[in-house]
Each structure stands twice: as structure tokens, then as C-alpha cells.
Amino acid sequence: MNRFSVKAIALGALVMIALDLLTGVVSYVVFGGDALQPGATPEDIRTMAELLQQNDAYLLTALVFGVATTVLGGYVTARLARQLPLLNACALGIVGVFLGLLLSGPADSPAWFDAIGYVAIVPAAIFGGYLGRRARAG
């Protein structure tokens, strides 16, 4: 008996990644809109991205969005997993940590941001799994 649902975990990860990309674009537009105007050069965009990594309001927004997308990914995973929804949501969180480490670029953001982000992934996924399990039961 397989306890993990690869399909549920993969779909939860896809939801999480898609929402991360969407919220990332929205955050860039809101916090760095001037650099994203027509005619902006790649250098303008690079400079804006570097400045955003030092903007506490942007970083806190990114953390909130990141935790929210992870909760939603855990929710989707738990809803789709036929058994052990919290275990599958936890697995999604672990996959999220590995993807974050694998796909992260140079550490331009402050250490506190990265630490909070990585520490929050698994609990956020499990919380989403808890909500998904409750929704399935109710």
C-alpha cells in the first residue's frame, strides 16, 4: 500500500509554483513598477530587483504570499490524496524546501528572509493539509 500520492504532491507543487510566479509578478509590479515601464532596459530591471531584495515591505509581502501559496498547495495535496492527507502535505513541504534550495539563485536577500522562508514551508504545507483534510471530511 503506497502512502504517498505522487499525483497529489505533484499537483499541489504545480499550484504552489504557479501561484508563486503570479504573486511574484504582482509584487514586482507593485513595488518596482517604475522600472517595469515600457522602454525599461534589462539593467533597469536588474537594478530594481536588487533594490527590492533590500526593501523590507517587499520582503514581508513576499513571505506572506509564499506562505499563503504553500498553504494552498498543501490544501490541494490533501484534497487529492486518497489516504494520509497530512503526510502527503508534509511531503509537499519537503519537496518545496528542496525546490527552493535547488532553484534559488545567489543570496541577494537578507539571511532572516531566507531563514523564515525555509522554516515556514513545511508547517505551512501541513496547515494547508489540515484545512484540506477538514474540507474533505465536512
Protein backbone atom coordinates (compact mmCIF):
# COMPACT_ATOMS: atom_id res chain seq x y z
CA MET A 1 0.00 0.00 0.00
CA ASN A 2 1.57 3.27 -1.17
CA ARG A 3 1.17 6.02 1.43
CA PHE A 4 2.28 8.82 -0.85
CA SER A 5 0.24 10.13 -3.76
CA VAL A 6 2.76 11.34 -6.30
CA LYS A 7 -0.09 12.83 -8.33
CA ALA A 8 -1.46 14.81 -5.36
CA ILE A 9 2.00 16.05 -4.37
CA ALA A 10 2.87 16.99 -7.97
CA LEU A 11 -0.40 18.86 -8.48
CA GLY A 12 -0.01 20.62 -5.14
CA ALA A 13 3.52 21.63 -6.17
CA LEU A 14 2.27 22.90 -9.53
CA VAL A 15 -0.39 25.01 -7.81
CA MET A 16 2.21 26.35 -5.39
CA ILE A 17 4.72 27.19 -8.14
CA ALA A 18 2.10 28.78 -10.42
CA LEU A 19 0.81 30.95 -7.58
CA ASP A 20 4.38 31.84 -6.54
CA LEU A 21 5.08 33.03 -10.08
CA LEU A 22 1.84 35.01 -10.22
CA THR A 23 2.33 36.66 -6.83
CA GLY A 24 5.97 37.34 -7.71
CA VAL A 25 4.94 39.23 -10.84
CA VAL A 26 2.28 41.16 -8.91
CA SER A 27 4.81 42.06 -6.20
CA TYR A 28 7.36 43.22 -8.77
CA VAL A 29 4.75 45.41 -10.46
CA VAL A 30 3.51 46.89 -7.17
CA PHE A 31 6.92 47.51 -5.58
CA GLY A 32 9.06 48.12 -8.65
CA GLY A 33 6.56 49.45 -11.16
CA ASP A 34 8.71 52.39 -12.29
CA ALA A 35 11.45 50.07 -13.56
CA LEU A 36 8.89 47.98 -15.45
CA GLN A 37 7.63 50.81 -17.66
CA PRO A 38 7.87 50.49 -21.45
CA GLY A 39 11.40 51.21 -22.55
CA ALA A 40 12.99 49.85 -19.37
CA THR A 41 16.34 48.27 -20.08
CA PRO A 42 17.44 44.91 -18.70
CA GLU A 43 19.83 46.88 -16.48
CA ASP A 44 16.89 48.91 -15.06
CA ILE A 45 15.07 45.68 -14.23
CA ARG A 46 18.19 44.10 -12.69
CA THR A 47 18.76 47.19 -10.53
CA MET A 48 15.11 47.19 -9.44
CA ALA A 49 15.35 43.51 -8.48
CA GLU A 50 18.48 44.17 -6.40
CA LEU A 51 16.81 47.10 -4.63
CA LEU A 52 13.72 45.04 -3.87
CA GLN A 53 15.89 42.49 -2.05
CA GLN A 54 16.65 45.23 0.49
CA ASN A 55 13.08 46.56 0.77
CA ASP A 56 11.54 45.21 3.98
CA ALA A 57 7.95 45.84 2.83
CA TYR A 58 8.57 43.87 -0.36
CA LEU A 59 10.29 41.04 1.54
CA LEU A 60 7.48 40.78 4.10
CA THR A 61 4.91 40.76 1.29
CA ALA A 62 6.88 38.03 -0.47
CA LEU A 63 6.95 35.97 2.75
CA VAL A 64 3.20 36.35 3.26
CA PHE A 65 2.50 35.40 -0.35
CA GLY A 66 4.94 32.49 -0.15
CA VAL A 67 3.36 31.08 2.99
CA ALA A 68 -0.13 31.55 1.53
CA THR A 69 0.77 29.73 -1.70
CA THR A 70 2.30 26.90 0.31
CA VAL A 71 -0.85 26.61 2.43
CA LEU A 72 -2.89 26.41 -0.79
CA GLY A 73 -0.52 23.81 -2.22
CA GLY A 74 -0.89 21.74 0.96
CA TYR A 75 -4.66 22.12 0.78
CA VAL A 76 -4.76 20.87 -2.82
CA THR A 77 -2.44 17.98 -1.99
CA ALA A 78 -4.57 16.89 0.97
CA ARG A 79 -7.79 17.14 -1.01
CA LEU A 80 -6.37 14.95 -3.78
CA ALA A 81 -4.56 12.38 -1.62
CA ARG A 82 -6.76 9.36 -1.05
CA GLN A 83 -5.12 8.49 2.24
CA LEU A 84 -2.91 10.18 4.80
CA PRO A 85 -3.54 13.75 3.60
CA LEU A 86 -1.28 15.34 6.23
CA LEU A 87 1.63 13.06 5.35
CA ASN A 88 1.22 13.97 1.68
CA ALA A 89 1.02 17.68 2.55
CA CYS A 90 4.19 17.31 4.63
CA ALA A 91 5.87 15.63 1.66
CA LEU A 92 4.84 18.63 -0.45
CA GLY A 93 6.53 20.91 2.09
CA ILE A 94 9.73 18.86 1.92
CA VAL A 95 9.60 18.98 -1.88
CA GLY A 96 9.12 22.75 -1.57
CA VAL A 97 12.25 23.09 0.57
CA PHE A 98 14.30 21.08 -1.93
CA LEU A 99 12.92 23.05 -4.89
CA GLY A 100 13.66 26.30 -3.10
CA LEU A 101 17.24 25.27 -2.41
CA LEU A 102 17.71 23.90 -5.92
CA LEU A 103 16.22 26.86 -7.77
CA SER A 104 17.45 29.70 -5.58
CA GLY A 105 19.99 31.98 -7.14
CA PRO A 106 22.72 33.93 -5.41
CA ALA A 107 21.76 35.01 -1.89
CA ASP A 108 20.81 38.64 -2.57
CA SER A 109 18.13 38.67 0.11
CA PRO A 110 18.89 39.04 3.82
CA ALA A 111 19.56 35.89 5.85
CA TRP A 112 16.45 36.48 8.00
CA PHE A 113 14.26 36.33 4.90
CA ASP A 114 15.71 33.03 3.69
CA ALA A 115 15.62 31.51 7.19
CA ILE A 116 11.97 32.39 7.81
CA GLY A 117 11.02 31.30 4.32
CA TYR A 118 12.60 27.85 4.59
CA VAL A 119 11.46 27.25 8.17
CA ALA A 120 7.85 28.15 7.28
CA ILE A 121 7.46 25.87 4.25
CA VAL A 122 6.76 22.51 5.92
CA PRO A 123 4.44 23.88 8.67
CA ALA A 124 2.53 25.95 6.09
CA ALA A 125 2.08 22.90 3.85
CA ILE A 126 0.90 20.81 6.81
CA PHE A 127 -1.54 23.55 7.85
CA GLY A 128 -2.91 23.59 4.31
CA GLY A 129 -3.15 19.81 4.53
CA TYR A 130 -5.09 20.12 7.76
CA LEU A 131 -7.54 22.52 6.10
CA GLY A 132 -7.83 20.21 3.10
CA ARG A 133 -8.48 17.20 5.31
CA ARG A 134 -11.19 19.10 7.19
CA ALA A 135 -12.81 20.17 3.92
CA ARG A 136 -12.82 16.56 2.70
CA ALA A 137 -14.37 15.31 5.92
CA GLY A 138 -17.03 18.02 6.06
